[in-house]
């Protein structure tokens, strides 16, 4: 991981907020899967999620 430099403080705050939000989403997904007995590592979870697609509903 490399350091991220931003020109303005608000950009740094937005970056931190986005990172924390992403961590919370990932953690929630992992907790819900663990509660259902699914103990895959994150790369397998992402691989499975990438197989999903959206279909239009009429």
PDB file of N, CA and C in Angstrom:
ATOM      1  N   UNK A   1       0.841  -1.161   0.000  1.00  0.00           N
ATOM      2  CA  UNK A   1       0.000   0.000   0.000  1.00  0.00           C
ATOM      3  C   UNK A   1       0.894   1.234   0.000  1.00  0.00           C
ATOM      4  N   UNK A   2       0.467   2.244  -0.739  1.00  0.00           N
ATOM      5  CA  UNK A   2       1.259   3.471  -0.816  1.00  0.00           C
ATOM      6  C   UNK A   2       0.500   4.622  -0.174  1.00  0.00           C
ATOM      7  N   UNK A   3       1.199   5.648   0.233  1.00  0.00           N
ATOM      8  CA  UNK A   3       0.498   6.799   0.826  1.00  0.00           C
ATOM      9  C   UNK A   3      -0.320   7.530  -0.234  1.00  0.00           C
ATOM     10  N   UNK A   4      -1.410   8.118   0.187  1.00  0.00           N
ATOM     11  CA  UNK A   4      -2.263   8.895  -0.707  1.00  0.00           C
ATOM     12  C   UNK A   4      -2.197  10.346  -0.257  1.00  0.00           C
ATOM     13  N   UNK A   5      -1.814  11.224  -1.167  1.00  0.00           N
ATOM     14  CA  UNK A   5      -1.715  12.645  -0.853  1.00  0.00           C
ATOM     15  C   UNK A   5      -2.814  13.404  -1.587  1.00  0.00           C
ATOM     16  N   UNK A   6      -3.488  14.301  -0.895  1.00  0.00           N
ATOM     17  CA  UNK A   6      -4.546  15.106  -1.487  1.00  0.00           C
ATOM     18  C   UNK A   6      -4.202  16.583  -1.337  1.00  0.00           C
ATOM     19  N   UNK A   7      -4.667  17.380  -2.286  1.00  0.00           N
ATOM     20  CA  UNK A   7      -4.357  18.810  -2.293  1.00  0.00           C
ATOM     21  C   UNK A   7      -5.114  19.574  -1.211  1.00  0.00           C
ATOM     22  N   UNK A   8      -6.313  19.113  -0.893  1.00  0.00           N
ATOM     23  CA  UNK A   8      -7.134  19.826   0.089  1.00  0.00           C
ATOM     24  C   UNK A   8      -7.559  18.870   1.196  1.00  0.00           C
ATOM     25  N   UNK A   9      -7.751  19.412   2.393  1.00  0.00           N
ATOM     26  CA  UNK A   9      -8.151  18.586   3.533  1.00  0.00           C
ATOM     27  C   UNK A   9      -9.464  17.869   3.285  1.00  0.00           C
ATOM     28  N   UNK A  10     -10.408  18.520   2.609  1.00  0.00           N
ATOM     29  CA  UNK A  10     -11.713  17.906   2.372  1.00  0.00           C
ATOM     30  C   UNK A  10     -11.571  16.634   1.537  1.00  0.00           C
ATOM     31  N   UNK A  11     -10.593  16.609   0.624  1.00  0.00           N
ATOM     32  CA  UNK A  11     -10.356  15.413  -0.178  1.00  0.00           C
ATOM     33  C   UNK A  11      -9.797  14.286   0.684  1.00  0.00           C
ATOM     34  N   UNK A  12      -8.934  14.645   1.625  1.00  0.00           N
ATOM     35  CA  UNK A  12      -8.396  13.645   2.552  1.00  0.00           C
ATOM     36  C   UNK A  12      -9.507  13.063   3.408  1.00  0.00           C
ATOM     37  N   UNK A  13     -10.381  13.936   3.899  1.00  0.00           N
ATOM     38  CA  UNK A  13     -11.501  13.476   4.722  1.00  0.00           C
ATOM     39  C   UNK A  13     -12.425  12.566   3.919  1.00  0.00           C
ATOM     40  N   UNK A  14     -12.689  12.931   2.665  1.00  0.00           N
ATOM     41  CA  UNK A  14     -13.542  12.108   1.811  1.00  0.00           C
ATOM     42  C   UNK A  14     -12.904  10.746   1.569  1.00  0.00           C
ATOM     43  N   UNK A  15     -11.590  10.725   1.368  1.00  0.00           N
ATOM     44  CA  UNK A  15     -10.878   9.466   1.150  1.00  0.00           C
ATOM     45  C   UNK A  15     -10.984   8.570   2.390  1.00  0.00           C
ATOM     46  N   UNK A  16     -10.770   9.140   3.542  1.00  0.00           N
ATOM     47  CA  UNK A  16     -10.863   8.380   4.794  1.00  0.00           C
ATOM     48  C   UNK A  16     -12.285   7.864   4.989  1.00  0.00           C
ATOM     49  N   UNK A  17     -13.283   8.724   4.758  1.00  0.00           N
ATOM     50  CA  UNK A  17     -14.683   8.330   4.903  1.00  0.00           C
ATOM     51  C   UNK A  17     -15.015   7.167   3.968  1.00  0.00           C
ATOM     52  N   UNK A  18     -14.581   7.276   2.703  1.00  0.00           N
ATOM     53  CA  UNK A  18     -14.842   6.202   1.739  1.00  0.00           C
ATOM     54  C   UNK A  18     -14.172   4.900   2.137  1.00  0.00           C
ATOM     55  N   UNK A  19     -12.961   4.985   2.660  1.00  0.00           N
ATOM     56  CA  UNK A  19     -12.240   3.784   3.096  1.00  0.00           C
ATOM     57  C   UNK A  19     -12.936   3.115   4.274  1.00  0.00           C
ATOM     58  N   UNK A  20     -13.386   3.915   5.230  1.00  0.00           N
ATOM     59  CA  UNK A  20     -14.086   3.367   6.394  1.00  0.00           C
ATOM     60  C   UNK A  20     -15.411   2.751   5.969  1.00  0.00           C
ATOM     61  N   UNK A  21     -16.124   3.417   5.070  1.00  0.00           N
ATOM     62  CA  UNK A  21     -17.391   2.890   4.577  1.00  0.00           C
ATOM     63  C   UNK A  21     -17.185   1.555   3.870  1.00  0.00           C
ATOM     64  N   UNK A  22     -16.155   1.464   3.036  1.00  0.00           N
ATOM     65  CA  UNK A  22     -15.848   0.214   2.340  1.00  0.00           C
ATOM     66  C   UNK A  22     -15.516  -0.893   3.335  1.00  0.00           C
ATOM     67  N   UNK A  23     -14.729  -0.572   4.357  1.00  0.00           N
ATOM     68  CA  UNK A  23     -14.392  -1.555   5.385  1.00  0.00           C
ATOM     69  C   UNK A  23     -15.654  -2.057   6.081  1.00  0.00           C
ATOM     70  N   UNK A  24     -16.573  -1.139   6.392  1.00  0.00           N
ATOM     71  CA  UNK A  24     -17.798  -1.530   7.086  1.00  0.00           C
ATOM     72  C   UNK A  24     -18.668  -2.430   6.207  1.00  0.00           C
ATOM     73  N   UNK A  25     -18.742  -2.145   4.915  1.00  0.00           N
ATOM     74  CA  UNK A  25     -19.520  -2.982   3.997  1.00  0.00           C
ATOM     75  C   UNK A  25     -18.912  -4.377   3.924  1.00  0.00           C
ATOM     76  N   UNK A  26     -17.601  -4.447   3.743  1.00  0.00           N
ATOM     77  CA  UNK A  26     -16.918  -5.744   3.663  1.00  0.00           C
ATOM     78  C   UNK A  26     -17.107  -6.526   4.957  1.00  0.00           C
ATOM     79  N   UNK A  27     -16.938  -5.867   6.089  1.00  0.00           N
ATOM     80  CA  UNK A  27     -17.067  -6.530   7.379  1.00  0.00           C
ATOM     81  C   UNK A  27     -18.490  -7.055   7.583  1.00  0.00           C
ATOM     82  N   UNK A  28     -19.499  -6.276   7.199  1.00  0.00           N
ATOM     83  CA  UNK A  28     -20.888  -6.706   7.330  1.00  0.00           C
ATOM     84  C   UNK A  28     -21.162  -7.931   6.464  1.00  0.00           C
ATOM     85  N   UNK A  29     -20.681  -7.906   5.232  1.00  0.00           N
ATOM     86  CA  UNK A  29     -20.865  -9.059   4.342  1.00  0.00           C
ATOM     87  C   UNK A  29     -20.220 -10.296   4.945  1.00  0.00           C
ATOM     88  N   UNK A  30     -18.994 -10.166   5.434  1.00  0.00           N
ATOM     89  CA  UNK A  30     -18.294 -11.320   6.006  1.00  0.00           C
ATOM     90  C   UNK A  30     -19.000 -11.859   7.246  1.00  0.00           C
ATOM     91  N   UNK A  31     -19.516 -10.961   8.106  1.00  0.00           N
ATOM     92  CA  UNK A  31     -20.231 -11.397   9.306  1.00  0.00           C
ATOM     93  C   UNK A  31     -21.501 -12.151   8.944  1.00  0.00           C
ATOM     94  N   UNK A  32     -22.258 -11.647   7.965  1.00  0.00           N
ATOM     95  CA  UNK A  32     -23.501 -12.302   7.566  1.00  0.00           C
ATOM     96  C   UNK A  32     -23.222 -13.668   6.939  1.00  0.00           C
ATOM     97  N   UNK A  33     -22.170 -13.765   6.139  1.00  0.00           N
ATOM     98  CA  UNK A  33     -21.815 -15.051   5.553  1.00  0.00           C
ATOM     99  C   UNK A  33     -21.342 -16.027   6.627  1.00  0.00           C
ATOM    100  N   UNK A  34     -20.560 -15.541   7.572  1.00  0.00           N
ATOM    101  CA  UNK A  34     -20.069 -16.394   8.659  1.00  0.00           C
ATOM    102  C   UNK A  34     -21.234 -16.933   9.480  1.00  0.00           C
ATOM    103  N   UNK A  35     -22.249 -16.106   9.718  1.00  0.00           N
ATOM    104  CA  UNK A  35     -23.422 -16.540  10.480  1.00  0.00           C
ATOM    105  C   UNK A  35     -24.171 -17.659   9.755  1.00  0.00           C
ATOM    106  N   UNK A  36     -24.046 -17.707   8.430  1.00  0.00           N
ATOM    107  CA  UNK A  36     -24.698 -18.757   7.646  1.00  0.00           C
ATOM    108  C   UNK A  36     -23.762 -19.935   7.380  1.00  0.00           C
ATOM    109  N   UNK A  37     -22.580 -19.911   7.998  1.00  0.00           N
ATOM    110  CA  UNK A  37     -21.646 -21.027   7.867  1.00  0.00           C
ATOM    111  C   UNK A  37     -20.745 -20.953   6.642  1.00  0.00           C
ATOM    112  N   UNK A  38     -20.721 -19.819   5.966  1.00  0.00           N
ATOM    113  CA  UNK A  38     -19.863 -19.647   4.791  1.00  0.00           C
ATOM    114  C   UNK A  38     -18.592 -18.954   5.253  1.00  0.00           C
ATOM    115  N   UNK A  39     -17.466 -19.651   5.168  1.00  0.00           N
ATOM    116  CA  UNK A  39     -16.219 -19.118   5.697  1.00  0.00           C
ATOM    117  C   UNK A  39     -15.162 -18.934   4.600  1.00  0.00           C
ATOM    118  N   UNK A  40     -15.598 -18.534   3.425  1.00  0.00           N
ATOM    119  CA  UNK A  40     -14.662 -18.306   2.322  1.00  0.00           C
ATOM    120  C   UNK A  40     -13.781 -17.094   2.600  1.00  0.00           C
ATOM    121  N   UNK A  41     -12.614 -17.074   1.955  1.00  0.00           N
ATOM    122  CA  UNK A  41     -11.784 -15.877   2.070  1.00  0.00           C
ATOM    123  C   UNK A  41     -12.340 -14.797   1.136  1.00  0.00           C
ATOM    124  N   UNK A  42     -11.851 -13.574   1.313  1.00  0.00           N
ATOM    125  CA  UNK A  42     -12.444 -12.439   0.603  1.00  0.00           C
ATOM    126  C   UNK A  42     -12.322 -12.582  -0.911  1.00  0.00           C
ATOM    127  N   UNK A  43     -11.219 -13.152  -1.416  1.00  0.00           N
ATOM    128  CA  UNK A  43     -11.060 -13.286  -2.872  1.00  0.00           C
ATOM    129  C   UNK A  43     -12.123 -14.214  -3.456  1.00  0.00           C
ATOM    130  N   UNK A  44     -12.487 -15.286  -2.745  1.00  0.00           N
ATOM    131  CA  UNK A  44     -13.560 -16.171  -3.207  1.00  0.00           C
ATOM    132  C   UNK A  44     -14.912 -15.478  -3.159  1.00  0.00           C
ATOM    133  N   UNK A  45     -15.144 -14.687  -2.129  1.00  0.00           N
ATOM    134  CA  UNK A  45     -16.411 -13.954  -2.017  1.00  0.00           C
ATOM    135  C   UNK A  45     -16.551 -12.989  -3.192  1.00  0.00           C
ATOM    136  N   UNK A  46     -15.491 -12.244  -3.493  1.00  0.00           N
ATOM    137  CA  UNK A  46     -15.527 -11.294  -4.614  1.00  0.00           C
ATOM    138  C   UNK A  46     -15.734 -12.038  -5.926  1.00  0.00           C
ATOM    139  N   UNK A  47     -15.055 -13.166  -6.101  1.00  0.00           N
ATOM    140  CA  UNK A  47     -15.208 -13.957  -7.329  1.00  0.00           C
ATOM    141  C   UNK A  47     -16.653 -14.383  -7.508  1.00  0.00           C
ATOM    142  N   UNK A  48     -17.288 -14.850  -6.434  1.00  0.00           N
ATOM    143  CA  UNK A  48     -18.699 -15.259  -6.510  1.00  0.00           C
ATOM    144  C   UNK A  48     -19.610 -14.072  -6.802  1.00  0.00           C
ATOM    145  N   UNK A  49     -19.337 -12.949  -6.159  1.00  0.00           N
ATOM    146  CA  UNK A  49     -20.173 -11.767  -6.381  1.00  0.00           C
ATOM    147  C   UNK A  49     -20.042 -11.263  -7.817  1.00  0.00           C
ATOM    148  N   UNK A  50     -18.878 -11.431  -8.420  1.00  0.00           N
ATOM    149  CA  UNK A  50     -18.679 -10.983  -9.801  1.00  0.00           C
ATOM    150  C   UNK A  50     -19.438 -11.828 -10.811  1.00  0.00           C
ATOM    151  N   UNK A  51     -19.924 -12.995 -10.414  1.00  0.00           N
ATOM    152  CA  UNK A  51     -20.700 -13.829 -11.331  1.00  0.00           C
ATOM    153  C   UNK A  51     -22.159 -13.388 -11.391  1.00  0.00           C
ATOM    154  N   UNK A  52     -22.565 -12.508 -10.489  1.00  0.00           N
ATOM    155  CA  UNK A  52     -23.949 -12.027 -10.465  1.00  0.00           C
ATOM    156  C   UNK A  52     -24.145 -10.967 -11.542  1.00  0.00           C
ATOM    157  N   UNK A  53     -25.358 -10.925 -12.085  1.00  0.00           N
ATOM    158  CA  UNK A  53     -25.661  -9.896 -13.079  1.00  0.00           C
ATOM    159  C   UNK A  53     -27.075  -9.371 -12.859  1.00  0.00           C
ATOM    160  N   UNK A  54     -27.312  -8.178 -13.357  1.00  0.00           N
ATOM    161  CA  UNK A  54     -28.624  -7.553 -13.250  1.00  0.00           C
ATOM    162  C   UNK A  54     -29.422  -7.847 -14.509  1.00  0.00           C
ATOM    163  N   UNK A  55     -30.695  -8.134 -14.326  1.00  0.00           N
ATOM    164  CA  UNK A  55     -31.584  -8.357 -15.456  1.00  0.00           C
ATOM    165  C   UNK A  55     -32.721  -7.355 -15.392  1.00  0.00           C
ATOM    166  N   UNK A  56     -33.121  -6.834 -16.533  1.00  0.00           N
ATOM    167  CA  UNK A  56     -34.249  -5.894 -16.513  1.00  0.00           C
ATOM    168  C   UNK A  56     -35.551  -6.618 -16.179  1.00  0.00           C
ATOM    169  N   UNK A  57     -36.415  -5.939 -15.453  1.00  0.00           N
ATOM    170  CA  UNK A  57     -37.714  -6.505 -15.084  1.00  0.00           C
ATOM    171  C   UNK A  57     -38.780  -5.747 -15.857  1.00  0.00           C
ATOM    172  N   UNK A  58     -39.678  -6.498 -16.473  1.00  0.00           N
ATOM    173  CA  UNK A  58     -40.747  -5.841 -17.242  1.00  0.00           C
ATOM    174  C   UNK A  58     -42.028  -5.821 -16.473  1.00  0.00           C
TER     175      UNK A  58
END
